[in-house]
Each structure stands twice: as structure tokens, then as C-alpha cells.
Amino acid sequence: MGHLNNALAALLALFSLFAVRGIYTYIEGIRFSRAHGCKPAKRFPQSERIIGYDLYKQQQEAARTKSLLARGLKRYADNGPTFSFSFMGNTFVSTIDPENIKHILATQFGDFVLGSRSVTFGPLLGRGIFTSDGTHWEHSRALVRPNFTRAQVADLNTFETHIQHMIAKIPRDGSTVDLQTLFFRLTLDSATEFLFGESVHSLLHPDNSEEQEFGRAFDAAQNLCGRRGRLGKLGAYYTTKDFQKNCKTVHDFVDKIVMKAVKDVDPQDPEKTASGNGGRYVFLNEMVKSTRDPKQLRDELLNILLAGRDTTASLLSHTFHVLARRPDILKPLQNEIDELNGKVPDYETLKQMKYLKNLLTESLRLFPVVPGNARQANKNTTIPRGGDPDGLSPIFIAKGTIVTYAPYAMHRRKDIYGPDADIFRPERWAPEEGLRPGWGYLPFNGGPRICVGQQFALTEASYTIIRLLQEFKGLENRDDGPWVENLALTLSVDGGVKVAMVPRS
């Protein structure tokens, strides 16, 4: 009996401690909120505010029907640009207000962290520039950023080799081809050569090769990471044997390349570039000069591979999805490219292609590679707008609150982009239109965590489009269905981009 009484007393004391702590946190939050003039945000209607099971069911159905982005658009239309809700035991604030997004990504950058991303994506990507916070992130960025200088981005020779491999895969007899599949292989090949010093050559190897298996495993693991991310804190517990196997396949493949690079570095002269690259720039060889930790090298390489490969492939896929359906856009693009008279463009030429630039800018507006993102408050803080019925007062953000933001929805705001915001119109970016969306346009994130490889992606996409349309005079759409989302860690076209390419000769 004495042991039972002691256990009950300990349990009661623990409960009391949590209760007192909860009351203190609540009172502290009220004081902070009043001191900063905060007002309540509009609440998303829910039947209960702890688990958010009704919202969970809606999200699962939307994921099944591939309508997560459309469902998100409707929520903002129904509830305004900023609202709060509860999900899986967490408090969320969701916003498409540019001022709020600027606040969490830049103005008050130190008040927010990635939250569960490191745990959710960690089994595949480890701790790298896109999955870490604080000093570890600062070290990763310092390690990675110098490798995306203009000199590296402007070297187009590597792109050309892989584009020729892709062109060789495109039928010239009017047969249907899925360009999206080819784009993802193209960018995997060019990204691995830039990063590893040796390409996986997925456009050349047979489907049962080790290189193709690496690509398949990387894609499959990413897809499950996307599902883990949508489960919030519970995502850390969602795994499968296939997921573990795919992560191991990816890690084993990269580890072999990393260990070779580490072995090739002269311990007496780490600044000496590793041998065997023929004088070409290799991302891994440069990183080995700063660290020889195999795990850190692998993690950073996979983080950059995800961004460098998927960003460009998604952008190209969505752009050609539109071009195949919009001859009114294809024609001025083709006219601009024809002015080159078949000349292979260099970096300076790419910068002068005004219509192409506007085309890619518009593609990233309506089809941002990462259509939604989130940050978690690491202290009591605020965001500047969304409180009160007029939405103009600041909102209290308690420590632990997750703030989600959705470029996909924000990029469709008619008060920013005009009444035709839902229409794909590259001309809106012409200087005479005077469009200056500021933080209302966020294809590559913003603030200190802005994508370090954005110029790499834009350069590769621009070069690829020019070279394809120098080889082919047009394309025919072979899929009359509407655009459907394929949402994993990045956005792509469900079902691919089915076209027939029309050769020039």
C-alpha cells in the first residue's frame, strides 16, 4: 500500500508541475500578446481543436485525389490570407500574406526554425543545408555557398553533353514521348556530374543498372518523405521496409563516391584538387578541402542533389506542359530563339533572352517547385498581420507554433497579380507592366535561407529550352487532360508531359 501511495503522490506531483507550468505559459503568453498589441487570428472551423481529425481526413482525401493544392486555395478563399487551426496536437497559423512571410523568413529570422523537417527528411537527407538549423546550418551554408559562384554556373559545357544524350532519346517520327521523365534523368545526370565529378548517366544506362537503381531509390524515398512531412510530428514514426531499403541504396551509392574523393585528397596539400576530373570543377572535390567527414559530405551532397536536380526538372516539365498547350506562347519564344541562328548560347546570351526569362518567371509563379513550406517558432513572437476582423493587427505566435506559408496560393492572389492571376501570361513580367510583387513572389524562398542554387537552376533550364527548340521546330500535345499535381518534396506534373516533338529536318 505504501508503494502505491508513493506512486500516486509522485504522479500527482508531476501532474501539478505540468498544470502550473501550463498556467504560467498561458499567462506569459497573454502578457506578451497585450504588450505587442496582438489580436486573435481567424480560426479555421474545426469540430475539435486538439487532434484536428476532420482536417486530417480532408488532407488524406485531398492527397488521394491529388488535390492538396486546390484544397489549400479554397481554404484561403474561405478564411482569408491568414488563419489558425489545430492539427496533431500542434497550433498552426497559415498565411499567404507577403508581410508575414517576410517577417518569418527575414525580419525575425532568428525567431523561427525548421521544426520537424530534420526528423522527417533525416533518414534520406541527413543533416545538410536544407535540414538543419542554427550553427550547423551556418556551417553548411558556409561550406556550400562558395560552390555556386558565377564561374561555376556559367560553365555550360557539361549541360551540352547531357542535353545531346536527351535529344537522342526523343523520337523524330511523331511518336509520343514523356519529356518529364527525360528532364528528371537529364538533371540527375548533370547534377551528379557537377556534384560528384562523375555522372550517373541515367540517359545512357539500361534500366537495371546500378545508376538507374540509385535514381529510382532516390525518387521513391523522396515520395515517402513527402508523406511523412504531411503527418507533422507523427511523420517521424511513419516508415516502411522499402523506405529504409531505398535510403540505404542511395547512401551506399553516394558513400562510394565520397570515400574515393576523400582518399584522393593529398593530406599534405588539401587545396590540391583531387585527380581524375580533367580540370573540370567538381563540387565534392572543393568540399573535401574543407571537411573529410564522410557523413557530412554525403548529407550535403544529397541536400544539394535534391534541390539541383528537382528544381530544374520541375521547372522544365511545367514549362513544356504549358508550351504544348499554348502555341501563342510557343511562337514568340521560338522567334526569340531563332534570332540566334542556331548558335549555341553562352551565359551572357542567356541573360539577354527577355521572353525566355519572363516565361520561366511565370512558370515558377504558377507552378512553384516547393508550393508550401513552414517554420516553427522557437520563442514567443509575433507576425505583423492577420489579427482582428480587418486582418491588420499583429498575431501572437506562441513558442512551438508552426507557421505555414504557401507560394502556390500567394502567387495566385488577384490583389497582387491582377484579375488574370490564374492565367499563364509571361508578358505580365515585361518592364512596361510595372509588376513589382516583392515578397509576393517566392519561387526560391527568401531571407538568409534563400536558395543558393537558383541561378544554377535558371541557367540550366534556359539553356535546355534553347537547345531543344533549336533542334525541334515545334511540339504537339499528346495529353488533353487538365494539369494534376504530383506532390512529393517538390511539385511535378502527374502523368508526365506527353508530347510529340517536330524535328527541323
Protein backbone atom coordinates (compact mmCIF):
# COMPACT_ATOMS: atom_id res chain seq x y z
CA MET A 1 0.00 0.00 0.00
CA GLY A 2 2.87 2.33 0.85
CA HIS A 3 4.41 1.85 -2.59
CA LEU A 4 1.05 2.59 -4.22
CA ASN A 5 0.63 5.78 -2.18
CA ASN A 6 4.13 6.89 -3.12
CA ALA A 7 3.43 6.26 -6.80
CA LEU A 8 0.16 8.19 -6.63
CA ALA A 9 1.87 11.05 -4.82
CA ALA A 10 4.60 11.18 -7.46
CA LEU A 11 2.01 11.12 -10.24
CA LEU A 12 0.03 13.91 -8.57
CA ALA A 13 3.17 15.99 -8.14
CA LEU A 14 4.05 15.51 -11.80
CA PHE A 15 0.54 16.47 -12.87
CA SER A 16 0.66 19.56 -10.64
CA LEU A 17 4.01 20.56 -12.12
CA PHE A 18 2.64 20.35 -15.66
CA ALA A 19 -0.51 22.25 -14.64
CA VAL A 20 1.48 25.06 -13.00
CA ARG A 21 3.82 25.24 -15.97
CA GLY A 22 0.86 25.35 -18.36
CA ILE A 23 -0.83 28.15 -16.41
CA TYR A 24 2.41 30.13 -16.26
CA THR A 25 2.95 29.71 -20.02
CA TYR A 26 -0.64 30.80 -20.69
CA ILE A 27 -0.35 33.92 -18.53
CA GLU A 28 3.04 34.75 -20.03
CA GLY A 29 1.51 34.48 -23.50
CA ILE A 30 -1.35 36.83 -22.59
CA ARG A 31 1.10 39.42 -21.25
CA PHE A 32 3.31 39.15 -24.34
CA SER A 33 0.31 39.43 -26.64
CA ARG A 34 -1.03 42.54 -24.91
CA ALA A 35 2.39 44.19 -24.82
CA HIS A 36 2.68 43.82 -28.61
CA GLY A 37 -0.88 44.85 -29.45
CA CYS A 38 -1.80 41.43 -30.80
CA LYS A 39 -5.31 40.39 -31.78
CA PRO A 40 -6.67 36.88 -32.41
CA ALA A 41 -6.38 35.41 -35.88
CA LYS A 42 -9.41 33.99 -37.64
CA ARG A 43 -9.88 30.31 -36.78
CA PHE A 44 -10.38 27.67 -39.40
CA PRO A 45 -13.65 25.90 -38.44
CA GLN A 46 -12.96 22.52 -36.80
CA SER A 47 -15.14 20.11 -34.85
CA GLU A 48 -12.39 19.72 -32.23
CA ARG A 49 -9.14 21.61 -31.66
CA ILE A 50 -6.64 19.06 -30.41
CA ILE A 51 -6.10 16.30 -32.95
CA GLY A 52 -7.89 18.00 -35.84
CA TYR A 53 -9.20 14.68 -37.09
CA ASP A 54 -11.65 16.28 -39.50
CA LEU A 55 -8.79 18.19 -41.11
CA TYR A 56 -6.70 15.01 -41.19
CA LYS A 57 -9.48 13.23 -43.11
CA GLN A 58 -9.75 16.14 -45.54
CA GLN A 59 -6.00 16.09 -46.15
CA GLN A 60 -5.91 12.35 -46.69
CA GLU A 61 -8.75 12.57 -49.21
CA ALA A 62 -7.05 15.50 -50.96
CA ALA A 63 -3.78 13.55 -51.14
CA ARG A 64 -5.63 10.54 -52.58
CA THR A 65 -7.33 12.65 -55.26
CA LYS A 66 -4.20 14.74 -55.90
CA SER A 67 -5.96 17.96 -54.96
CA LEU A 68 -3.96 19.18 -51.95
CA LEU A 69 -3.07 22.46 -53.64
CA ALA A 70 -6.62 23.13 -54.84
CA ARG A 71 -7.92 22.37 -51.34
CA GLY A 72 -5.41 24.83 -49.90
CA LEU A 73 -6.53 27.53 -52.34
CA LYS A 74 -10.14 27.07 -51.23
CA ARG A 75 -9.19 27.37 -47.55
CA TYR A 76 -7.56 30.73 -48.17
CA ALA A 77 -10.53 31.85 -50.27
CA ASP A 78 -12.91 30.88 -47.44
CA ASN A 79 -10.85 32.07 -44.45
CA GLY A 80 -8.69 34.91 -45.71
CA PRO A 81 -4.92 35.22 -46.19
CA THR A 82 -4.07 34.33 -42.57
CA PHE A 83 -5.87 31.93 -40.22
CA SER A 84 -5.12 29.48 -37.41
CA PHE A 85 -6.02 25.83 -36.85
CA SER A 86 -5.03 22.78 -34.81
CA PHE A 87 -3.54 19.58 -36.17
CA MET A 88 -1.97 16.57 -34.49
CA GLY A 89 -1.61 18.40 -31.18
CA ASN A 90 0.07 21.46 -32.70
CA THR A 91 -1.17 25.00 -33.15
CA PHE A 92 -0.74 26.25 -36.72
CA VAL A 93 -1.01 29.63 -38.37
CA SER A 94 -1.31 29.53 -42.15
CA THR A 95 -0.56 32.62 -44.24
CA ILE A 96 -0.16 33.91 -47.78
CA ASP A 97 0.43 37.49 -46.63
CA PRO A 98 3.77 38.71 -48.06
CA GLU A 99 4.46 40.84 -44.97
CA ASN A 100 4.07 37.84 -42.67
CA ILE A 101 6.28 35.69 -44.87
CA LYS A 102 8.95 38.39 -44.99
CA HIS A 103 8.77 38.54 -41.19
CA ILE A 104 9.36 34.83 -40.57
CA LEU A 105 11.99 34.38 -43.30
CA ALA A 106 13.94 37.61 -42.88
CA THR A 107 12.94 40.31 -40.37
CA GLN A 108 12.57 37.90 -37.43
CA PHE A 109 14.60 35.05 -38.93
CA GLY A 110 16.08 34.14 -35.54
CA ASP A 111 12.62 33.54 -34.01
CA PHE A 112 11.87 30.57 -36.28
CA VAL A 113 13.40 27.18 -37.05
CA LEU A 114 12.60 24.32 -39.43
CA GLY A 115 10.83 22.29 -36.77
CA SER A 116 10.30 18.62 -37.60
CA ARG A 117 11.93 18.72 -41.06
CA SER A 118 15.26 17.35 -39.85
CA VAL A 119 13.50 14.33 -38.33
CA THR A 120 11.05 13.86 -41.20
CA PHE A 121 13.61 14.07 -44.02
CA GLY A 122 16.63 12.97 -41.98
CA PRO A 123 16.61 9.26 -42.90
CA LEU A 124 17.25 10.21 -46.54
CA LEU A 125 18.99 13.60 -46.47
CA GLY A 126 20.74 13.55 -43.09
CA ARG A 127 21.84 16.93 -41.70
CA GLY A 128 22.59 19.33 -44.51
CA ILE A 129 21.85 22.85 -45.64
CA PHE A 130 18.10 22.19 -46.11
CA THR A 131 17.51 20.08 -42.99
CA SER A 132 19.47 21.83 -40.23
CA ASP A 133 19.22 24.98 -38.10
CA GLY A 134 21.49 27.19 -36.03
CA THR A 135 25.24 26.79 -36.10
CA HIS A 136 25.05 23.56 -38.09
CA TRP A 137 23.09 25.34 -40.83
CA GLU A 138 25.52 28.29 -40.77
CA HIS A 139 28.42 25.87 -41.23
CA SER A 140 26.59 24.06 -44.06
CA ARG A 141 25.85 27.31 -45.86
CA ALA A 142 29.44 28.50 -45.49
CA LEU A 143 30.56 25.16 -46.94
CA VAL A 144 28.09 25.11 -49.84
CA ARG A 145 27.60 28.72 -50.95
CA PRO A 146 31.10 29.37 -52.42
CA ASN A 147 30.49 26.49 -54.83
CA PHE A 148 27.77 28.40 -56.71
CA THR A 149 29.83 31.30 -58.00
CA ARG A 150 29.21 32.80 -61.42
CA ALA A 151 32.17 30.89 -62.86
CA GLN A 152 30.63 27.53 -61.96
CA VAL A 153 27.10 28.48 -63.02
CA ALA A 154 28.31 29.89 -66.35
CA ASP A 155 30.15 26.70 -67.40
CA LEU A 156 27.66 25.21 -69.90
CA ASN A 157 29.86 22.52 -71.43
CA THR A 158 28.62 19.84 -69.04
CA PHE A 159 24.98 20.71 -69.80
CA GLU A 160 25.56 20.34 -73.53
CA THR A 161 26.85 16.77 -73.23
CA HIS A 162 23.80 15.59 -71.32
CA ILE A 163 21.33 17.53 -73.47
CA GLN A 164 22.67 15.73 -76.53
CA HIS A 165 22.09 12.43 -74.72
CA MET A 166 18.50 13.51 -74.05
CA ILE A 167 17.88 14.68 -77.62
CA ALA A 168 18.99 11.25 -78.83
CA LYS A 169 16.16 9.73 -76.76
CA ILE A 170 13.45 11.86 -78.41
CA PRO A 171 11.63 10.18 -81.34
CA ARG A 172 11.68 12.01 -84.67
CA ASP A 173 8.80 10.08 -86.24
CA GLY A 174 5.96 11.76 -84.37
CA SER A 175 5.83 9.17 -81.60
CA THR A 176 4.76 10.27 -78.14
CA VAL A 177 7.48 10.91 -75.57
CA ASP A 178 7.25 11.84 -71.89
CA LEU A 179 9.51 14.86 -71.58
CA GLN A 180 9.18 14.95 -67.79
CA THR A 181 10.86 11.55 -67.46
CA LEU A 182 13.68 12.75 -69.70
CA PHE A 183 14.02 16.04 -67.82
CA PHE A 184 14.41 14.26 -64.48
CA ARG A 185 17.06 11.99 -65.99
CA LEU A 186 18.80 14.93 -67.65
CA THR A 187 19.02 16.93 -64.44
CA LEU A 188 20.07 13.86 -62.45
CA ASP A 189 22.91 13.29 -64.92
CA SER A 190 24.10 16.91 -64.97
CA ALA A 191 23.70 17.39 -61.21
CA THR A 192 25.65 14.25 -60.33
CA GLU A 193 28.47 15.25 -62.67
CA PHE A 194 28.61 18.74 -61.14
CA LEU A 195 28.43 17.38 -57.58
CA PHE A 196 30.25 14.04 -57.70
CA GLY A 197 32.63 14.52 -60.61
CA GLU A 198 31.06 11.55 -62.40
CA SER A 199 27.57 11.40 -63.86
CA VAL A 200 25.19 8.51 -63.23
CA HIS A 201 24.36 8.75 -66.97
CA SER A 202 20.78 7.64 -66.42
CA LEU A 203 20.01 8.64 -70.03
CA LEU A 204 22.55 6.09 -71.26
CA HIS A 205 22.45 3.19 -68.80
CA PRO A 206 19.93 0.35 -69.07
CA ASP A 207 17.05 0.29 -66.60
CA ASN A 208 18.58 -2.48 -64.48
CA SER A 209 21.90 -0.70 -63.89
CA GLU A 210 23.20 0.45 -60.52
CA GLU A 211 22.92 4.05 -61.67
CA GLN A 212 19.26 3.67 -62.62
CA GLU A 213 18.56 1.93 -59.32
CA PHE A 214 20.07 4.90 -57.49
CA GLY A 215 17.73 7.26 -59.34
CA ARG A 216 14.67 5.10 -58.64
CA ALA A 217 15.56 4.72 -54.96
CA PHE A 218 16.11 8.48 -54.59
CA ASP A 219 12.69 9.22 -56.15
CA ALA A 220 10.85 6.62 -54.07
CA ALA A 221 12.47 7.76 -50.82
CA GLN A 222 11.58 11.38 -51.60
CA ASN A 223 7.93 10.46 -52.15
CA LEU A 224 7.68 8.84 -48.74
CA CYS A 225 9.47 11.80 -47.14
CA GLY A 226 6.71 13.97 -48.60
CA ARG A 227 4.05 11.81 -46.94
CA ARG A 228 5.98 11.87 -43.66
CA GLY A 229 6.07 15.66 -43.81
CA ARG A 230 2.29 15.93 -44.15
CA LEU A 231 1.81 13.97 -40.91
CA GLY A 232 3.51 16.56 -38.72
CA LYS A 233 5.14 15.17 -35.58
CA LEU A 234 3.74 11.71 -36.31
CA GLY A 235 5.68 11.61 -39.57
CA ALA A 236 8.82 10.60 -37.69
CA TYR A 237 7.15 7.26 -36.90
CA TYR A 238 5.91 6.56 -40.42
CA THR A 239 8.31 4.29 -42.25
CA THR A 240 8.35 1.17 -44.38
CA LYS A 241 10.89 -1.52 -45.21
CA ASP A 242 11.03 -0.22 -48.79
CA PHE A 243 11.78 3.29 -47.50
CA GLN A 244 14.65 2.01 -45.38
CA LYS A 245 15.94 -0.06 -48.29
CA ASN A 246 15.77 2.91 -50.67
CA CYS A 247 17.61 5.18 -48.24
CA LYS A 248 20.34 2.56 -47.89
CA THR A 249 20.63 2.21 -51.68
CA VAL A 250 21.07 5.97 -52.04
CA HIS A 251 23.55 6.22 -49.17
CA ASP A 252 25.66 3.27 -50.33
CA PHE A 253 25.92 4.71 -53.85
CA VAL A 254 27.00 8.17 -52.67
CA ASP A 255 29.30 6.80 -49.94
CA LYS A 256 31.44 5.01 -52.53
CA ILE A 257 31.96 8.25 -54.44
CA VAL A 258 32.66 10.22 -51.26
CA MET A 259 35.22 7.73 -49.98
CA LYS A 260 37.06 7.81 -53.30
CA ALA A 261 37.20 11.62 -53.19
CA VAL A 262 38.45 11.62 -49.60
CA LYS A 263 41.10 9.04 -50.46
CA ASP A 264 42.29 11.06 -53.47
CA VAL A 265 42.98 14.23 -51.47
CA ASP A 266 46.64 14.82 -50.68
CA PRO A 267 46.82 15.09 -46.84
CA GLN A 268 49.89 17.33 -47.19
CA ASP A 269 48.12 19.67 -49.61
CA PRO A 270 44.31 19.58 -49.20
CA GLU A 271 43.97 22.59 -51.52
CA LYS A 272 45.16 20.47 -54.41
CA THR A 273 42.16 19.41 -56.49
CA ALA A 274 41.57 15.66 -56.47
CA SER A 275 42.87 13.87 -59.51
CA GLY A 276 40.81 12.38 -62.30
CA ASN A 277 38.45 15.24 -63.12
CA GLY A 278 40.36 16.51 -66.13
CA GLY A 279 40.49 20.04 -64.79
CA ARG A 280 36.69 20.30 -64.51
CA TYR A 281 35.06 21.92 -61.50
CA VAL A 282 33.72 19.30 -59.07
CA PHE A 283 31.61 20.30 -56.08
CA LEU A 284 32.69 17.31 -53.96
CA ASN A 285 36.39 17.93 -54.54
CA GLU A 286 36.01 21.53 -53.38
CA MET A 287 34.12 20.46 -50.25
CA VAL A 288 36.74 17.85 -49.39
CA LYS A 289 39.21 20.72 -48.99
CA SER A 290 37.10 21.95 -46.04
CA THR A 291 35.99 18.69 -44.44
CA ARG A 292 36.74 15.00 -44.81
CA ASP A 293 33.86 13.78 -42.69
CA PRO A 294 32.17 11.20 -45.00
CA LYS A 295 28.77 11.56 -43.33
CA GLN A 296 28.78 15.35 -43.61
CA LEU A 297 29.90 15.20 -47.22
CA ARG A 298 27.18 12.70 -48.11
CA ASP A 299 24.48 14.73 -46.37
CA GLU A 300 25.44 17.97 -48.09
CA LEU A 301 25.65 16.28 -51.48
CA LEU A 302 22.19 14.75 -51.13
CA ASN A 303 20.69 18.04 -49.95
CA ILE A 304 22.09 19.85 -52.98
CA LEU A 305 21.22 16.99 -55.33
CA LEU A 306 17.57 17.20 -54.27
CA ALA A 307 17.46 20.92 -54.96
CA GLY A 308 19.69 20.99 -58.03
CA ARG A 309 18.01 18.11 -59.77
CA ASP A 310 14.34 18.51 -58.85
CA THR A 311 14.13 22.29 -59.16
CA THR A 312 15.27 22.34 -62.78
CA ALA A 313 13.32 19.23 -63.80
CA SER A 314 10.10 20.58 -62.28
CA LEU A 315 10.57 23.96 -63.96
CA LEU A 316 11.25 22.40 -67.36
CA SER A 317 8.34 19.97 -67.05
CA HIS A 318 5.79 22.64 -66.21
CA THR A 319 7.13 24.98 -68.87
CA PHE A 320 6.77 22.38 -71.62
CA HIS A 321 3.38 21.32 -70.23
CA VAL A 322 2.28 24.90 -70.99
CA LEU A 323 4.14 25.24 -74.31
CA ALA A 324 2.44 22.11 -75.65
CA ARG A 325 -0.97 23.67 -74.98
CA ARG A 326 -0.26 27.32 -75.79
CA PRO A 327 1.01 27.97 -79.34
CA ASP A 328 0.54 31.69 -78.62
CA ILE A 329 3.38 31.39 -76.09
CA LEU A 330 5.50 28.94 -78.07
CA LYS A 331 5.62 31.20 -81.15
CA PRO A 332 7.25 34.31 -79.57
CA LEU A 333 9.63 32.03 -77.67
CA GLN A 334 10.61 30.25 -80.88
CA ASN A 335 11.05 33.60 -82.65
CA GLU A 336 13.43 34.80 -79.94
CA ILE A 337 15.44 31.58 -80.09
CA ASP A 338 15.57 31.68 -83.91
CA GLU A 339 17.34 35.04 -83.69
CA LEU A 340 20.39 33.08 -82.50
CA ASN A 341 20.56 31.43 -85.96
CA GLY A 342 21.42 28.08 -84.42
CA LYS A 343 24.35 29.44 -82.41
CA VAL A 344 24.97 27.57 -79.16
CA PRO A 345 24.25 30.14 -76.43
CA ASP A 346 26.75 31.15 -73.78
CA TYR A 347 25.92 32.52 -70.33
CA GLU A 348 25.79 36.14 -71.50
CA THR A 349 23.41 35.21 -74.31
CA LEU A 350 21.05 33.53 -71.85
CA LYS A 351 20.82 36.74 -69.84
CA GLN A 352 19.67 38.64 -72.95
CA MET A 353 16.74 36.31 -73.74
CA LYS A 354 13.95 38.51 -72.38
CA TYR A 355 10.91 36.48 -73.39
CA LEU A 356 12.52 33.26 -72.16
CA LYS A 357 13.26 34.90 -68.82
CA ASN A 358 9.65 36.08 -68.49
CA LEU A 359 8.42 32.62 -69.46
CA LEU A 360 10.41 30.93 -66.69
CA THR A 361 9.42 33.59 -64.17
CA GLU A 362 5.76 32.97 -64.98
CA SER A 363 6.21 29.20 -64.85
CA LEU A 364 7.68 29.48 -61.36
CA ARG A 365 4.82 31.75 -60.35
CA LEU A 366 2.01 29.34 -61.20
CA PHE A 367 3.98 26.14 -60.56
CA PRO A 368 6.48 26.86 -57.76
CA VAL A 369 8.80 23.92 -57.21
CA VAL A 370 8.09 23.99 -53.46
CA PRO A 371 4.43 25.08 -53.28
CA GLY A 372 4.24 25.12 -49.48
CA ASN A 373 6.65 25.46 -46.58
CA ALA A 374 6.70 26.02 -42.82
CA ARG A 375 8.67 27.37 -39.88
CA GLN A 376 8.26 26.76 -36.14
CA ALA A 377 8.59 29.49 -33.51
CA ASN A 378 11.47 28.86 -31.09
CA LYS A 379 10.25 31.59 -28.71
CA ASN A 380 7.18 33.72 -28.11
CA THR A 381 6.98 36.12 -31.04
CA THR A 382 4.56 37.80 -33.45
CA ILE A 383 3.73 38.17 -37.11
CA PRO A 384 2.61 41.63 -38.27
CA ARG A 385 -0.78 40.94 -39.86
CA GLY A 386 -3.87 38.75 -39.60
CA GLY A 387 -5.37 39.78 -36.26
CA ASP A 388 -8.81 41.36 -35.77
CA PRO A 389 -11.61 41.11 -38.35
CA ASP A 390 -9.77 43.51 -40.67
CA GLY A 391 -6.62 41.38 -40.53
CA LEU A 392 -4.36 44.37 -39.98
CA SER A 393 -3.28 43.73 -36.38
CA PRO A 394 -0.32 41.58 -35.33
CA ILE A 395 -0.85 37.99 -34.20
CA PHE A 396 0.75 36.38 -31.16
CA ILE A 397 2.81 33.34 -32.12
CA ALA A 398 3.49 31.20 -29.06
CA LYS A 399 6.69 29.19 -28.83
CA GLY A 400 6.16 25.92 -30.69
CA THR A 401 3.53 27.30 -33.08
CA ILE A 402 4.03 26.21 -36.69
CA VAL A 403 3.58 28.92 -39.31
CA THR A 404 2.89 27.55 -42.78
CA TYR A 405 3.11 29.62 -45.96
CA ALA A 406 2.03 28.72 -49.48
CA PRO A 407 3.71 30.32 -52.51
CA TYR A 408 1.35 28.33 -54.76
CA ALA A 409 -1.66 30.19 -53.32
CA MET A 410 0.10 33.53 -52.77
CA HIS A 411 1.21 33.59 -56.42
CA ARG A 412 -2.47 33.48 -57.42
CA ARG A 413 -3.56 36.50 -55.36
CA LYS A 414 -5.52 38.82 -57.62
CA ASP A 415 -4.69 41.84 -55.45
CA ILE A 416 -1.01 41.25 -56.31
CA TYR A 417 -1.13 39.88 -59.86
CA GLY A 418 -4.37 41.33 -61.17
CA PRO A 419 -7.69 39.80 -62.25
CA ASP A 420 -5.91 37.38 -64.61
CA ALA A 421 -3.71 35.94 -61.84
CA ASP A 422 -4.85 32.40 -62.69
CA ILE A 423 -3.79 32.78 -66.33
CA PHE A 424 -0.32 31.87 -67.59
CA ARG A 425 0.87 35.12 -69.18
CA PRO A 426 4.64 35.72 -69.48
CA GLU A 427 4.04 39.28 -70.67
CA ARG A 428 2.99 40.33 -67.17
CA TRP A 429 6.72 40.40 -66.30
CA ALA A 430 7.63 42.86 -69.07
CA PRO A 431 9.05 46.10 -67.59
CA GLU A 432 6.24 48.21 -69.05
CA GLU A 433 3.69 46.23 -66.99
CA GLY A 434 5.26 47.60 -63.81
CA LEU A 435 4.70 44.43 -61.77
CA ARG A 436 6.73 44.53 -58.53
CA PRO A 437 5.38 41.80 -56.23
CA GLY A 438 8.29 41.89 -53.76
CA TRP A 439 7.76 39.18 -51.15
CA GLY A 440 4.58 38.24 -53.00
CA TYR A 441 6.79 36.25 -55.40
CA LEU A 442 8.74 33.50 -53.69
CA PRO A 443 9.89 30.71 -56.05
CA PHE A 444 13.24 30.21 -54.31
CA ASN A 445 12.36 31.08 -50.72
CA GLY A 446 13.81 34.27 -49.22
CA GLY A 447 15.93 35.79 -46.49
CA PRO A 448 19.10 34.10 -45.22
CA ARG A 449 17.81 30.70 -46.39
CA ILE A 450 17.18 31.78 -49.99
CA CYS A 451 18.13 29.00 -52.41
CA VAL A 452 21.87 29.20 -53.11
CA GLY A 453 21.47 27.34 -56.40
CA GLN A 454 18.71 29.40 -58.01
CA GLN A 455 20.97 30.79 -60.75
CA PHE A 456 22.23 27.27 -61.46
CA ALA A 457 18.62 26.08 -61.96
CA LEU A 458 17.59 29.04 -64.12
CA THR A 459 20.72 28.77 -66.24
CA GLU A 460 20.28 25.05 -66.87
CA ALA A 461 16.56 25.44 -67.64
CA SER A 462 17.17 28.33 -70.05
CA TYR A 463 19.96 26.51 -71.85
CA THR A 464 17.92 23.31 -72.15
CA ILE A 465 14.89 25.09 -73.63
CA ILE A 466 17.02 26.89 -76.22
CA ARG A 467 18.89 23.77 -77.30
CA LEU A 468 15.68 21.73 -77.58
CA LEU A 469 13.91 24.36 -79.68
CA GLN A 470 16.99 24.76 -81.86
CA GLU A 471 16.76 21.04 -82.58
CA PHE A 472 12.96 20.85 -82.92
CA LYS A 473 10.71 23.41 -84.60
CA GLY A 474 7.67 22.61 -82.53
CA LEU A 475 5.78 20.17 -80.34
CA GLU A 476 2.33 18.62 -80.33
CA ASN A 477 0.35 17.96 -77.18
CA ARG A 478 -0.49 14.27 -76.66
CA ASP A 479 -2.43 14.63 -73.41
CA ASP A 480 -5.65 16.63 -73.40
CA GLY A 481 -6.27 16.19 -69.68
CA PRO A 482 -6.01 19.06 -67.19
CA TRP A 483 -2.92 19.67 -65.09
CA VAL A 484 -2.86 17.45 -61.99
CA GLU A 485 -0.43 17.86 -59.12
CA ASN A 486 2.18 15.28 -58.22
CA LEU A 487 3.34 16.47 -54.83
CA ALA A 488 6.28 14.89 -53.00
CA LEU A 489 9.09 17.06 -51.65
CA THR A 490 8.76 19.05 -54.86
CA LEU A 491 5.97 19.61 -57.40
CA SER A 492 5.78 17.86 -60.75
CA VAL A 493 3.13 17.00 -63.36
CA ASP A 494 1.09 13.90 -62.54
CA GLY A 495 1.19 11.59 -65.54
CA GLY A 496 4.16 13.35 -67.10
CA VAL A 497 4.44 15.70 -70.08
CA LYS A 498 3.33 13.69 -73.13
CA VAL A 499 4.20 15.35 -76.44
CA ALA A 500 5.47 14.67 -79.94
CA MET A 501 8.47 16.73 -80.99
CA VAL A 502 8.63 18.03 -84.57
CA PRO A 503 12.22 17.98 -85.91
CA ARG A 504 13.60 20.82 -88.01
CA SER A 505 14.89 18.46 -90.66
